C-alpha cells in the first residue's frame, strides 16, 4: 500500500497533463476526484486527514469571489462591456487595444475565467458583424485576461492559493506584480498587432444597431459596492476569506436575481478540482518519496527558489499539467522562504499560461466559446502569438524580480 500514493500521484498529474482519459469523457476534475477516492478507499488516506488537507480558507475565498463575479455576470456587465468594445469607433488596432485593456483590468479584480467566458461570445458576434476576423481579438481577450490577472492575489485561482498560503498583503502584491503585469498586457498588444497585421489592416464597417444588450444598473451597482467592500476589508486584519464571504453573502438578498442562479454560476468543477488535488498532493508530500525527491533536487540546486529554475519549470509545467496543479505541487513539496519567491511563483505561473492554448483554463474557455459560434481558434493560431508574447513577458517579469531583489538568479 505504501507504493500506492506515488502511483496515484503520478497518474493524477499525468491526467492533468493529458487533460482527459483517452476513450472516456473524463476531464481533469473527474480524474482528481477518482484519485482522491482511491486513496480514501484503499486506506492510504484517512477521511479526517483528507479533510485537514483541504485548505478551506482558500476554497472559501475562491467561492466568495466567484459569487461576486456571478453578480456582475447576472447583471449583464460582461456582455455589455464586450458589446461596447466591439462597437467602438476607430481602427481595428484601437479595438484590439480596448479588448486587452478591458479584459486585463476586469480580470485583476474578478475571476479571469468568468470574465472571458462571458465576454467571448459577444466579442465574436460584434467583431464578425463588422467584417473583421475575430481570432486576433480572441487572442487579445485571453492574453489580456491572463496578463491582467497576474496583478492581484484575487486575479486567478493560483494567485488566490499563493496569497492565502503565504498570507501575502493585497496591496503589496499589487505593487510588486502590477508593473510586469501591465507591461505584459502591452506586449500582448504589440505581438498580436505585429503578427496579425494583415487581418487588423481591414477597416471595420460601422456597427449594427442594437448590438449592446441592456445593463441592469442596480445589480451592477451592488456588485461595485461589493468590490469596494472587498478592497476595504483586505486592508484590515480580518481574514480574507471571512471578509469575502461577508461581502458576497448579502448579494444573495435580491428580489430579481434568484440565489439558485447566483450559486449555480459558481465554478463548482474548479472547487472540486482544488479540494481533490489538495488531498492527493498532501498525501504525496507527506510520503518519504517526496522527501527523497526534494533532497535530490536540493543537492543539485534545482529547487524553484531562483529565477533560473522557476521560470523554465513553470513554463513547462503550466503548459502540461496546468498552472493551478503546478502551483499546488510546488507549495506542498518545497518549503518556500520569504515573500519574494511567492511573488515569482504567482507572476511566472500566470504569465506562462499565455504560451499555448492549453496553458490556462481561460485560453481553453475562449477557444470553446468561439468554436460554438463557428470561429475556430486553433492550437497553431494561439501558439503563433502565444510563444513570442509569453517569452517576452517572462523576460520582463524575471528582470523585474531580479531588479527589485525579490528573487536571485
Foldseek 3Di string as FASTA:
>chain_A
DLVVLVVLLVVLLLQLQVQADPPDPAGSLNSLVVSLVVCPVVVLADPVRLVVLFPVLLLLLLLLLLLLLLLQVVQCVLLLLLLCLLQDDDALLVSLLSLLVVLLQVLCQGESQSSLLRNQVLNCVSNVQQVAACQLSLLSNLQSLLLSLLQFLRNYSLSSVLCVVVVDQGVVLNVQSVVLSVVLSVLLSVLSCVVVVVRRVDGTHHTDPPSRDDGNVVSVVLSVVLSVQLVVVSVDPPRSSVSSCVSSVCSCPDPPDHVCSSSVSRPVSVSSSSSSLSSSLLSVLPRVVLVVVVVVCVVVVQQQQALVNVQVVLLVSLNRSRLNSVSSNSVSRPDHPDCLSSSVSSNRNSLSLQQWCSNHPSSVSSQVSVVVVVRHCDRVNSNSRSNVSSVVSSVSSNVSSVVVVSHHD
